[in-house]
Amino acid sequence: RQAAARNLFLRGSAVSILVALFCEDGEVYSLLVDQPRVPIGQAGCLEIPAGMVDDEKQTVAGIAVQEMKEECNITISSAFELIDLTELALKGNATKLPSIAIPPSPGGCDEGLRCFYLEKKVSVKELDAMKNKLQGLRDHGEYITLRVVPYADVWKISGDAKAMISMFLLERLREEGKIAKAGSLATPLTPE
């Protein structure tokens, strides 16, 4: 036997959140974060909100709640508002994965991705306030501009694999009846 020489990138666990904003104007929108991505040579890259699980004491849902606040300024009052698409898709299925996570690049990286979904009801005024808003933690080197886009166009606007995986899982889980119809889980953006 000969050992294969490889470069490995030990990154750890990550979360991503696909957001559906059900606006009073009858349209459905989503949020993309626009931020520099040096590894792919982009000054601006459109992605769904996401983050690394840096604190192993926190739950993946807790990290998702934290990322929504940091990247989108959306406060999630309960982790129950988030739907764990990955767990619904993989739990109980005959996968040979080491955990309930999707490995985006298992040939060179140990990252395991948990995809979440969030629905919110928004007014036109709330939606307008989100457009092009500057977000992110400056002390962590985050320079994020929030982009509001039509939900149906996310897959065309963003080349983000996390977005495409999440949209695919959501579609399949809805077809299997594991997630309620679009909009039925939406809670107000601003608590009443």
N, C-alpha and C. Protein backbone atom coordinates (compact mmCIF):
# COMPACT_ATOMS: atom_id res chain seq x y z
N ARG A 1 0.83 -1.20 0.00
CA ARG A 1 0.00 0.00 0.00
C ARG A 1 0.86 1.24 0.00
N GLN A 2 0.39 2.21 -0.71
CA GLN A 2 1.09 3.49 -0.75
C GLN A 2 0.16 4.58 -0.24
N ALA A 3 0.66 5.37 0.69
CA ALA A 3 -0.15 6.46 1.25
C ALA A 3 -0.22 7.61 0.24
N ALA A 4 -1.39 8.17 0.11
CA ALA A 4 -1.58 9.30 -0.81
C ALA A 4 -1.19 10.59 -0.09
N ALA A 5 -0.41 11.41 -0.74
CA ALA A 5 -0.04 12.71 -0.19
C ALA A 5 -1.18 13.69 -0.47
N ARG A 6 -1.65 14.37 0.57
CA ARG A 6 -2.77 15.30 0.42
C ARG A 6 -2.62 16.48 1.35
N ASN A 7 -3.18 17.56 0.93
CA ASN A 7 -3.33 18.70 1.81
C ASN A 7 -4.75 18.65 2.35
N LEU A 8 -4.86 18.79 3.65
CA LEU A 8 -6.17 18.76 4.30
C LEU A 8 -6.41 20.10 4.98
N PHE A 9 -7.66 20.50 4.97
CA PHE A 9 -8.05 21.75 5.60
C PHE A 9 -9.02 21.40 6.72
N LEU A 10 -8.57 21.56 7.97
CA LEU A 10 -9.42 21.25 9.12
C LEU A 10 -10.17 22.52 9.51
N ARG A 11 -11.42 22.54 9.18
CA ARG A 11 -12.25 23.73 9.34
C ARG A 11 -13.29 23.58 10.43
N GLY A 12 -13.86 22.40 10.57
CA GLY A 12 -14.88 22.17 11.59
C GLY A 12 -16.30 22.35 11.07
N SER A 13 -17.21 22.51 11.99
CA SER A 13 -18.64 22.59 11.66
C SER A 13 -19.05 24.02 11.28
N ALA A 14 -20.09 24.10 10.45
CA ALA A 14 -20.61 25.39 10.02
C ALA A 14 -22.13 25.32 9.92
N VAL A 15 -22.75 26.49 9.94
CA VAL A 15 -24.20 26.59 9.76
C VAL A 15 -24.48 27.58 8.64
N SER A 16 -25.62 27.41 7.99
CA SER A 16 -26.10 28.39 7.02
C SER A 16 -27.60 28.53 7.21
N ILE A 17 -28.11 29.70 6.84
CA ILE A 17 -29.54 29.98 7.04
C ILE A 17 -30.14 30.54 5.76
N LEU A 18 -31.07 29.81 5.18
CA LEU A 18 -31.85 30.27 4.04
C LEU A 18 -33.04 31.03 4.61
N VAL A 19 -33.19 32.30 4.23
CA VAL A 19 -34.23 33.16 4.79
C VAL A 19 -35.30 33.42 3.74
N ALA A 20 -36.56 33.26 4.13
CA ALA A 20 -37.70 33.62 3.28
C ALA A 20 -38.47 34.73 3.99
N LEU A 21 -38.56 35.89 3.34
CA LEU A 21 -39.28 37.03 3.89
C LEU A 21 -40.60 37.19 3.14
N PHE A 22 -41.70 36.99 3.84
CA PHE A 22 -43.03 37.09 3.25
C PHE A 22 -43.52 38.52 3.50
N CYS A 23 -43.50 39.31 2.43
CA CYS A 23 -43.80 40.73 2.54
C CYS A 23 -45.29 41.01 2.36
N GLU A 24 -45.72 42.08 2.99
CA GLU A 24 -47.13 42.49 2.88
C GLU A 24 -47.50 42.86 1.45
N ASP A 25 -46.50 43.09 0.59
CA ASP A 25 -46.78 43.40 -0.82
C ASP A 25 -47.12 42.14 -1.62
N GLY A 26 -47.12 40.97 -0.95
CA GLY A 26 -47.49 39.72 -1.60
C GLY A 26 -46.31 38.96 -2.20
N GLU A 27 -45.13 39.55 -2.16
CA GLU A 27 -43.94 38.91 -2.72
C GLU A 27 -43.14 38.21 -1.62
N VAL A 28 -42.29 37.29 -2.05
CA VAL A 28 -41.39 36.60 -1.12
C VAL A 28 -39.96 36.98 -1.51
N TYR A 29 -39.20 37.39 -0.51
CA TYR A 29 -37.83 37.82 -0.72
C TYR A 29 -36.89 36.96 0.12
N SER A 30 -35.61 37.11 -0.15
CA SER A 30 -34.60 36.45 0.66
C SER A 30 -33.48 37.43 0.93
N LEU A 31 -32.61 37.05 1.86
CA LEU A 31 -31.47 37.87 2.21
C LEU A 31 -30.18 37.18 1.78
N LEU A 32 -29.34 37.94 1.12
CA LEU A 32 -27.99 37.47 0.80
C LEU A 32 -27.02 38.44 1.44
N VAL A 33 -25.91 37.92 1.92
CA VAL A 33 -24.87 38.78 2.46
C VAL A 33 -23.80 38.92 1.38
N ASP A 34 -23.37 40.15 1.18
CA ASP A 34 -22.37 40.47 0.16
C ASP A 34 -21.09 40.82 0.92
N GLN A 35 -20.07 39.98 0.75
CA GLN A 35 -18.83 40.22 1.49
C GLN A 35 -17.62 39.76 0.68
N PRO A 36 -16.46 40.33 0.98
CA PRO A 36 -15.25 39.93 0.25
C PRO A 36 -14.92 38.46 0.51
N ARG A 37 -14.48 37.76 -0.53
CA ARG A 37 -14.05 36.37 -0.41
C ARG A 37 -12.72 36.23 -1.15
N VAL A 38 -11.63 36.48 -0.43
CA VAL A 38 -10.28 36.47 -0.99
C VAL A 38 -9.92 35.13 -1.65
N PRO A 39 -10.25 33.96 -1.04
CA PRO A 39 -9.84 32.69 -1.66
C PRO A 39 -10.34 32.50 -3.09
N ILE A 40 -11.47 33.11 -3.43
CA ILE A 40 -11.97 32.98 -4.81
C ILE A 40 -11.76 34.26 -5.62
N GLY A 41 -11.00 35.19 -5.03
CA GLY A 41 -10.65 36.42 -5.75
C GLY A 41 -11.81 37.36 -5.98
N GLN A 42 -12.76 37.41 -5.06
CA GLN A 42 -13.94 38.25 -5.23
C GLN A 42 -14.00 39.34 -4.16
N ALA A 43 -14.16 40.58 -4.61
CA ALA A 43 -14.34 41.69 -3.68
C ALA A 43 -15.74 41.65 -3.07
N GLY A 44 -16.67 41.02 -3.77
CA GLY A 44 -18.03 40.87 -3.28
C GLY A 44 -18.59 39.53 -3.71
N CYS A 45 -19.08 38.78 -2.77
CA CYS A 45 -19.63 37.45 -3.04
C CYS A 45 -20.98 37.34 -2.35
N LEU A 46 -22.02 36.99 -3.10
CA LEU A 46 -23.37 36.88 -2.54
C LEU A 46 -23.60 35.47 -2.01
N GLU A 47 -23.90 35.39 -0.70
CA GLU A 47 -24.13 34.12 -0.03
C GLU A 47 -25.30 34.24 0.93
N ILE A 48 -25.85 33.10 1.32
CA ILE A 48 -26.83 33.15 2.40
C ILE A 48 -26.06 33.32 3.71
N PRO A 49 -26.71 33.85 4.75
CA PRO A 49 -26.02 34.02 6.03
C PRO A 49 -25.47 32.68 6.52
N ALA A 50 -24.26 32.74 7.09
CA ALA A 50 -23.61 31.51 7.53
C ALA A 50 -22.51 31.84 8.53
N GLY A 51 -22.03 30.81 9.19
CA GLY A 51 -20.91 31.01 10.12
C GLY A 51 -20.36 29.70 10.61
N MET A 52 -19.18 29.80 11.18
CA MET A 52 -18.50 28.63 11.73
C MET A 52 -18.93 28.40 13.17
N VAL A 53 -18.90 27.15 13.57
CA VAL A 53 -19.17 26.79 14.96
C VAL A 53 -17.83 26.89 15.70
N ASP A 54 -17.56 28.09 16.21
CA ASP A 54 -16.29 28.34 16.89
C ASP A 54 -16.34 27.93 18.36
N ASP A 55 -17.52 27.91 18.92
CA ASP A 55 -17.70 27.60 20.33
C ASP A 55 -18.44 26.27 20.43
N GLU A 56 -17.72 25.22 20.74
CA GLU A 56 -18.32 23.89 20.80
C GLU A 56 -19.34 23.74 21.93
N LYS A 57 -19.40 24.73 22.83
CA LYS A 57 -20.38 24.68 23.92
C LYS A 57 -21.76 25.11 23.43
N GLN A 58 -21.80 25.80 22.30
CA GLN A 58 -23.08 26.27 21.75
C GLN A 58 -23.66 25.23 20.81
N THR A 59 -24.98 25.23 20.71
CA THR A 59 -25.64 24.34 19.76
C THR A 59 -25.52 24.93 18.36
N VAL A 60 -25.71 24.09 17.34
CA VAL A 60 -25.68 24.62 15.98
C VAL A 60 -26.82 25.61 15.77
N ALA A 61 -27.97 25.36 16.37
CA ALA A 61 -29.09 26.31 16.26
C ALA A 61 -28.73 27.63 16.94
N GLY A 62 -28.03 27.56 18.06
CA GLY A 62 -27.59 28.77 18.76
C GLY A 62 -26.64 29.60 17.91
N ILE A 63 -25.75 28.93 17.20
CA ILE A 63 -24.83 29.62 16.29
C ILE A 63 -25.63 30.27 15.15
N ALA A 64 -26.62 29.57 14.63
CA ALA A 64 -27.45 30.13 13.55
C ALA A 64 -28.19 31.38 14.03
N VAL A 65 -28.72 31.35 15.24
CA VAL A 65 -29.39 32.52 15.82
C VAL A 65 -28.40 33.69 15.92
N GLN A 66 -27.20 33.40 16.40
CA GLN A 66 -26.16 34.42 16.54
C GLN A 66 -25.76 35.01 15.19
N GLU A 67 -25.61 34.18 14.18
CA GLU A 67 -25.23 34.66 12.84
C GLU A 67 -26.32 35.54 12.24
N MET A 68 -27.58 35.20 12.47
CA MET A 68 -28.66 36.04 11.95
C MET A 68 -28.63 37.43 12.56
N LYS A 69 -28.28 37.50 13.83
CA LYS A 69 -28.18 38.81 14.49
C LYS A 69 -26.98 39.59 13.95
N GLU A 70 -25.82 38.93 13.86
CA GLU A 70 -24.60 39.60 13.43
C GLU A 70 -24.63 40.01 11.96
N GLU A 71 -25.12 39.13 11.10
CA GLU A 71 -25.05 39.38 9.66
C GLU A 71 -26.27 40.08 9.09
N CYS A 72 -27.44 39.91 9.74
CA CYS A 72 -28.68 40.47 9.17
C CYS A 72 -29.44 41.38 10.13
N ASN A 73 -28.97 41.48 11.35
CA ASN A 73 -29.66 42.25 12.40
C ASN A 73 -31.09 41.76 12.63
N ILE A 74 -31.27 40.45 12.52
CA ILE A 74 -32.57 39.83 12.80
C ILE A 74 -32.45 39.05 14.10
N THR A 75 -33.31 39.41 15.03
CA THR A 75 -33.34 38.71 16.31
C THR A 75 -34.34 37.57 16.22
N ILE A 76 -33.87 36.39 16.52
CA ILE A 76 -34.73 35.21 16.55
C ILE A 76 -35.02 34.93 18.02
N SER A 77 -36.29 35.04 18.39
CA SER A 77 -36.65 34.92 19.80
C SER A 77 -36.54 33.49 20.31
N SER A 78 -36.67 32.53 19.42
CA SER A 78 -36.59 31.13 19.83
C SER A 78 -35.95 30.32 18.71
N ALA A 79 -35.06 29.42 19.09
CA ALA A 79 -34.43 28.55 18.08
C ALA A 79 -35.47 27.69 17.37
N PHE A 80 -36.66 27.58 17.95
CA PHE A 80 -37.73 26.79 17.32
C PHE A 80 -38.24 27.44 16.03
N GLU A 81 -37.91 28.72 15.82
CA GLU A 81 -38.27 29.39 14.57
C GLU A 81 -37.45 28.84 13.40
N LEU A 82 -36.30 28.28 13.71
CA LEU A 82 -35.40 27.74 12.69
C LEU A 82 -35.76 26.29 12.39
N ILE A 83 -35.77 25.95 11.12
CA ILE A 83 -35.98 24.56 10.72
C ILE A 83 -34.64 24.00 10.29
N ASP A 84 -34.23 22.92 10.93
CA ASP A 84 -32.96 22.28 10.61
C ASP A 84 -33.18 21.34 9.42
N LEU A 85 -32.93 21.85 8.24
CA LEU A 85 -33.14 21.08 7.01
C LEU A 85 -32.26 19.83 6.97
N THR A 86 -31.04 19.97 7.44
CA THR A 86 -30.09 18.86 7.40
C THR A 86 -30.56 17.71 8.28
N GLU A 87 -30.98 18.04 9.48
CA GLU A 87 -31.44 16.98 10.39
C GLU A 87 -32.68 16.29 9.82
N LEU A 88 -33.62 17.07 9.30
CA LEU A 88 -34.83 16.46 8.72
C LEU A 88 -34.49 15.55 7.54
N ALA A 89 -33.50 15.95 6.76
CA ALA A 89 -33.14 15.17 5.58
C ALA A 89 -32.32 13.93 5.90
N LEU A 90 -31.42 14.03 6.88
CA LEU A 90 -30.47 12.94 7.12
C LEU A 90 -30.80 12.02 8.28
N LYS A 91 -31.47 12.54 9.30
CA LYS A 91 -31.72 11.74 10.49
C LYS A 91 -32.59 10.52 10.16
N GLY A 92 -32.09 9.37 10.55
CA GLY A 92 -32.84 8.14 10.31
C GLY A 92 -32.64 7.56 8.93
N ASN A 93 -31.96 8.28 8.05
CA ASN A 93 -31.67 7.75 6.72
C ASN A 93 -30.38 6.94 6.76
N ALA A 94 -30.24 6.06 5.85
CA ALA A 94 -29.07 5.17 5.81
C ALA A 94 -27.88 5.85 5.16
N THR A 95 -27.37 6.92 5.80
CA THR A 95 -26.17 7.56 5.27
C THR A 95 -24.96 7.02 6.01
N LYS A 96 -23.82 7.12 5.40
CA LYS A 96 -22.58 6.70 6.04
C LYS A 96 -21.79 7.91 6.52
N LEU A 97 -22.47 9.00 6.77
CA LEU A 97 -21.80 10.21 7.24
C LEU A 97 -21.52 10.08 8.73
N PRO A 98 -20.41 10.69 9.19
CA PRO A 98 -20.05 10.58 10.60
C PRO A 98 -20.97 11.35 11.55
N SER A 99 -21.72 12.29 11.03
CA SER A 99 -22.64 13.07 11.86
C SER A 99 -23.76 13.59 10.98
N ILE A 100 -24.73 14.25 11.63
CA ILE A 100 -25.83 14.84 10.86
C ILE A 100 -25.33 16.19 10.34
N ALA A 101 -24.62 16.13 9.24
CA ALA A 101 -24.08 17.32 8.58
C ALA A 101 -23.74 16.94 7.15
N ILE A 102 -23.69 17.95 6.31
CA ILE A 102 -23.36 17.73 4.90
C ILE A 102 -21.90 18.13 4.69
N PRO A 103 -21.07 17.21 4.22
CA PRO A 103 -19.67 17.57 3.96
C PRO A 103 -19.53 18.18 2.55
N PRO A 104 -19.37 19.52 2.43
CA PRO A 104 -19.33 20.14 1.12
C PRO A 104 -18.11 19.77 0.27
N SER A 105 -17.01 19.41 0.92
CA SER A 105 -15.80 19.07 0.17
C SER A 105 -15.02 17.99 0.92
N PRO A 106 -15.57 16.77 1.02
CA PRO A 106 -14.98 15.74 1.87
C PRO A 106 -13.63 15.22 1.41
N GLY A 107 -13.24 15.52 0.20
CA GLY A 107 -11.93 15.07 -0.28
C GLY A 107 -10.77 15.86 0.29
N GLY A 108 -11.04 17.03 0.87
CA GLY A 108 -9.95 17.83 1.38
C GLY A 108 -10.25 18.62 2.62
N CYS A 109 -11.49 18.55 3.10
CA CYS A 109 -11.88 19.39 4.23
C CYS A 109 -12.82 18.62 5.15
N ASP A 110 -12.67 18.83 6.46
CA ASP A 110 -13.51 18.13 7.43
C ASP A 110 -14.82 18.87 7.74
N GLU A 111 -15.07 19.99 7.06
CA GLU A 111 -16.25 20.79 7.36
C GLU A 111 -17.54 19.98 7.23
N GLY A 112 -18.42 20.17 8.20
CA GLY A 112 -19.76 19.59 8.17
C GLY A 112 -20.75 20.72 8.25
N LEU A 113 -21.65 20.83 7.28
CA LEU A 113 -22.59 21.95 7.18
C LEU A 113 -23.97 21.55 7.66
N ARG A 114 -24.55 22.39 8.53
CA ARG A 114 -25.94 22.24 8.93
C ARG A 114 -26.71 23.39 8.30
N CYS A 115 -27.71 23.05 7.49
CA CYS A 115 -28.52 24.04 6.77
C CYS A 115 -29.83 24.28 7.51
N PHE A 116 -30.12 25.55 7.78
CA PHE A 116 -31.35 25.94 8.44
C PHE A 116 -32.21 26.78 7.50
N TYR A 117 -33.50 26.87 7.85
CA TYR A 117 -34.46 27.66 7.09
C TYR A 117 -35.24 28.51 8.07
N LEU A 118 -35.50 29.77 7.70
CA LEU A 118 -36.22 30.71 8.54
C LEU A 118 -37.23 31.48 7.71
N GLU A 119 -38.46 31.57 8.20
CA GLU A 119 -39.50 32.38 7.55
C GLU A 119 -39.85 33.55 8.46
N LYS A 120 -39.97 34.74 7.87
CA LYS A 120 -40.39 35.93 8.60
C LYS A 120 -41.41 36.70 7.78
N LYS A 121 -42.37 37.34 8.47
CA LYS A 121 -43.31 38.27 7.84
C LYS A 121 -42.70 39.66 7.97
N VAL A 122 -42.72 40.43 6.88
CA VAL A 122 -42.15 41.78 6.92
C VAL A 122 -43.08 42.78 6.24
N SER A 123 -42.97 44.01 6.69
CA SER A 123 -43.67 45.10 6.01
C SER A 123 -42.75 45.64 4.92
N VAL A 124 -43.30 46.43 4.03
CA VAL A 124 -42.49 47.06 2.99
C VAL A 124 -41.43 47.96 3.64
N LYS A 125 -41.82 48.66 4.70
CA LYS A 125 -40.89 49.55 5.40
C LYS A 125 -39.73 48.75 6.01
N GLU A 126 -40.03 47.62 6.65
CA GLU A 126 -38.97 46.79 7.22
C GLU A 126 -38.04 46.24 6.13
N LEU A 127 -38.64 45.84 5.03
CA LEU A 127 -37.85 45.31 3.91
C LEU A 127 -36.92 46.39 3.35
N ASP A 128 -37.45 47.58 3.15
CA ASP A 128 -36.64 48.69 2.62
C ASP A 128 -35.49 49.03 3.57
N ALA A 129 -35.72 48.92 4.88
CA ALA A 129 -34.67 49.24 5.86
C ALA A 129 -33.52 48.24 5.80
N MET A 130 -33.77 47.03 5.30
CA MET A 130 -32.72 46.01 5.19
C MET A 130 -31.85 46.18 3.96
N LYS A 131 -32.39 46.80 2.94
CA LYS A 131 -31.68 46.88 1.66
C LYS A 131 -30.36 47.65 1.78
N ASN A 132 -29.29 46.98 1.37
CA ASN A 132 -27.94 47.55 1.35
C ASN A 132 -27.43 48.01 2.71
N LYS A 133 -27.98 47.45 3.76
CA LYS A 133 -27.56 47.80 5.11
C LYS A 133 -26.19 47.19 5.38
N LEU A 134 -25.32 47.97 6.03
CA LEU A 134 -23.99 47.47 6.39
C LEU A 134 -24.09 46.68 7.69
N GLN A 135 -23.54 45.49 7.68
CA GLN A 135 -23.61 44.58 8.81
C GLN A 135 -22.24 43.95 9.06
N GLY A 136 -22.20 43.05 10.01
CA GLY A 136 -20.99 42.29 10.31
C GLY A 136 -20.25 42.85 11.51
N LEU A 137 -19.39 42.02 12.05
CA LEU A 137 -18.57 42.41 13.20
C LEU A 137 -17.24 42.94 12.69
N ARG A 138 -17.05 44.24 12.77
CA ARG A 138 -15.83 44.85 12.25
C ARG A 138 -14.59 44.31 12.96
N ASP A 139 -14.70 44.06 14.28
CA ASP A 139 -13.54 43.56 15.02
C ASP A 139 -13.17 42.13 14.63
N HIS A 140 -14.03 41.46 13.87
CA HIS A 140 -13.73 40.13 13.33
C HIS A 140 -13.40 40.20 11.84
N GLY A 141 -13.27 41.43 11.32
CA GLY A 141 -12.92 41.61 9.92
C GLY A 141 -14.09 41.38 8.97
N GLU A 142 -15.32 41.49 9.48
CA GLU A 142 -16.51 41.28 8.64
C GLU A 142 -17.00 42.62 8.08
N TYR A 143 -17.08 42.70 6.77
CA TYR A 143 -17.62 43.87 6.08
C TYR A 143 -18.72 43.36 5.16
N ILE A 144 -19.92 43.37 5.68
CA ILE A 144 -21.05 42.74 5.00
C ILE A 144 -22.07 43.79 4.59
N THR A 145 -22.55 43.66 3.36
CA THR A 145 -23.67 44.48 2.90
C THR A 145 -24.84 43.53 2.67
N LEU A 146 -25.95 43.83 3.28
CA LEU A 146 -27.15 43.00 3.18
C LEU A 146 -27.86 43.28 1.86
N ARG A 147 -28.19 42.23 1.13
CA ARG A 147 -28.91 42.37 -0.14
C ARG A 147 -30.27 41.67 -0.02
N VAL A 148 -31.31 42.37 -0.43
CA VAL A 148 -32.67 41.80 -0.46
C VAL A 148 -32.94 41.43 -1.92
N VAL A 149 -33.27 40.17 -2.15
CA VAL A 149 -33.48 39.67 -3.51
C VAL A 149 -34.76 38.85 -3.57
N PRO A 150 -35.37 38.74 -4.74
CA PRO A 150 -36.54 37.85 -4.86
C PRO A 150 -36.13 36.42 -4.50
N TYR A 151 -36.90 35.78 -3.64
CA TYR A 151 -36.58 34.43 -3.18
C TYR A 151 -36.39 33.48 -4.36
N ALA A 152 -37.26 33.55 -5.34
CA ALA A 152 -37.22 32.63 -6.48
C ALA A 152 -35.95 32.78 -7.30
N ASP A 153 -35.23 33.90 -7.15
CA ASP A 153 -34.03 34.15 -7.93
C ASP A 153 -32.73 33.86 -7.19
N VAL A 154 -32.80 33.45 -5.94
CA VAL A 154 -31.57 33.24 -5.16
C VAL A 154 -30.61 32.32 -5.90
N TRP A 155 -31.10 31.22 -6.42
CA TRP A 155 -30.22 30.24 -7.07
C TRP A 155 -29.59 30.79 -8.35
N LYS A 156 -30.23 31.81 -8.96
CA LYS A 156 -29.67 32.41 -10.18
C LYS A 156 -28.69 33.54 -9.87
N ILE A 157 -28.93 34.23 -8.76
CA ILE A 157 -28.12 35.39 -8.39
C ILE A 157 -26.84 34.99 -7.69
N SER A 158 -26.92 33.95 -6.88
CA SER A 158 -25.79 33.54 -6.06
C SER A 158 -25.26 32.19 -6.52
N GLY A 159 -23.96 32.07 -6.60
CA GLY A 159 -23.35 30.77 -6.90
C GLY A 159 -23.04 30.00 -5.64
N ASP A 160 -23.65 30.42 -4.53
CA ASP A 160 -23.38 29.85 -3.21
C ASP A 160 -23.92 28.42 -3.11
N ALA A 161 -23.03 27.47 -2.89
CA ALA A 161 -23.45 26.07 -2.76
C ALA A 161 -24.37 25.88 -1.56
N LYS A 162 -24.15 26.64 -0.49
CA LYS A 162 -25.00 26.52 0.70
C LYS A 162 -26.45 26.88 0.36
N ALA A 163 -26.61 27.92 -0.45
CA ALA A 163 -27.96 28.34 -0.86
C ALA A 163 -28.62 27.27 -1.71
N MET A 164 -27.87 26.72 -2.65
CA MET A 164 -28.44 25.70 -3.54
C MET A 164 -28.78 24.42 -2.80
N ILE A 165 -27.90 24.00 -1.89
CA ILE A 165 -28.19 22.82 -1.08
C ILE A 165 -29.44 23.05 -0.24
N SER A 166 -29.52 24.22 0.40
CA SER A 166 -30.68 24.53 1.25
C SER A 166 -31.98 24.56 0.46
N MET A 167 -31.95 25.19 -0.71
CA MET A 167 -33.16 25.27 -1.53
C MET A 167 -33.58 23.88 -2.00
N PHE A 168 -32.62 23.06 -2.36
CA PHE A 168 -32.92 21.69 -2.78
C PHE A 168 -33.54 20.90 -1.63
N LEU A 169 -32.92 20.95 -0.45
CA LEU A 169 -33.45 20.22 0.70
C LEU A 169 -34.86 20.69 1.05
N LEU A 170 -35.06 22.01 1.05
CA LEU A 170 -36.38 22.56 1.38
C LEU A 170 -37.43 22.05 0.41
N GLU A 171 -37.12 22.08 -0.86
CA GLU A 171 -38.06 21.62 -1.89
C GLU A 171 -38.41 20.14 -1.69
N ARG A 172 -37.39 19.31 -1.49
CA ARG A 172 -37.63 17.87 -1.32
C ARG A 172 -38.39 17.56 -0.02
N LEU A 173 -38.03 18.25 1.05
CA LEU A 173 -38.70 18.01 2.33
C LEU A 173 -40.16 18.45 2.27
N ARG A 174 -40.45 19.52 1.54
CA ARG A 174 -41.85 19.93 1.35
C ARG A 174 -42.61 18.89 0.55
N GLU A 175 -41.96 18.37 -0.50
CA GLU A 175 -42.60 17.33 -1.32
C GLU A 175 -42.94 16.10 -0.48
N GLU A 176 -42.10 15.78 0.49
CA GLU A 176 -42.32 14.63 1.36
C GLU A 176 -43.25 14.94 2.53
N GLY A 177 -43.70 16.19 2.62
CA GLY A 177 -44.62 16.58 3.69
C GLY A 177 -43.97 16.75 5.05
N LYS A 178 -42.65 16.91 5.08
CA LYS A 178 -41.94 17.07 6.35
C LYS A 178 -41.86 18.52 6.81
N ILE A 179 -42.20 19.45 5.90
CA ILE A 179 -42.21 20.87 6.22
C ILE A 179 -43.51 21.47 5.69
N ALA A 180 -44.11 22.32 6.51
CA ALA A 180 -45.38 22.96 6.13
C ALA A 180 -45.21 23.84 4.90
N LYS A 181 -46.33 24.18 4.27
CA LYS A 181 -46.29 24.99 3.05
C LYS A 181 -45.66 26.36 3.31
N ALA A 182 -45.13 26.94 2.27
CA ALA A 182 -44.43 28.22 2.36
C ALA A 182 -45.30 29.29 2.99
N GLY A 183 -44.72 30.00 3.94
CA GLY A 183 -45.40 31.10 4.61
C GLY A 183 -46.15 30.72 5.86
N SER A 184 -46.46 29.46 6.04
CA SER A 184 -47.26 29.06 7.20
C SER A 184 -46.47 29.08 8.50
N LEU A 185 -45.16 29.14 8.44
CA LEU A 185 -44.31 29.16 9.63
C LEU A 185 -43.78 30.55 9.94
N ALA A 186 -44.12 31.53 9.10
CA ALA A 186 -43.56 32.87 9.23
C ALA A 186 -44.05 33.57 10.49
N THR A 187 -43.08 34.14 11.21
CA THR A 187 -43.37 34.95 12.40
C THR A 187 -43.00 36.39 12.06
N PRO A 188 -43.61 37.36 12.75
CA PRO A 188 -43.29 38.77 12.45
C PRO A 188 -41.81 39.07 12.69
N LEU A 189 -41.23 39.90 11.81
CA LEU A 189 -39.84 40.31 11.96
C LEU A 189 -39.66 41.05 13.28
N THR A 190 -40.57 41.97 13.53
CA THR A 190 -40.56 42.71 14.78
C THR A 190 -41.66 42.16 15.68
N PRO A 191 -41.29 41.62 16.85
CA PRO A 191 -42.32 41.07 17.75
C PRO A 191 -43.38 42.10 18.05
N GLU A 192 -44.63 41.65 18.07
CA GLU A 192 -45.76 42.57 18.30
C GLU A 192 -45.96 42.84 19.77
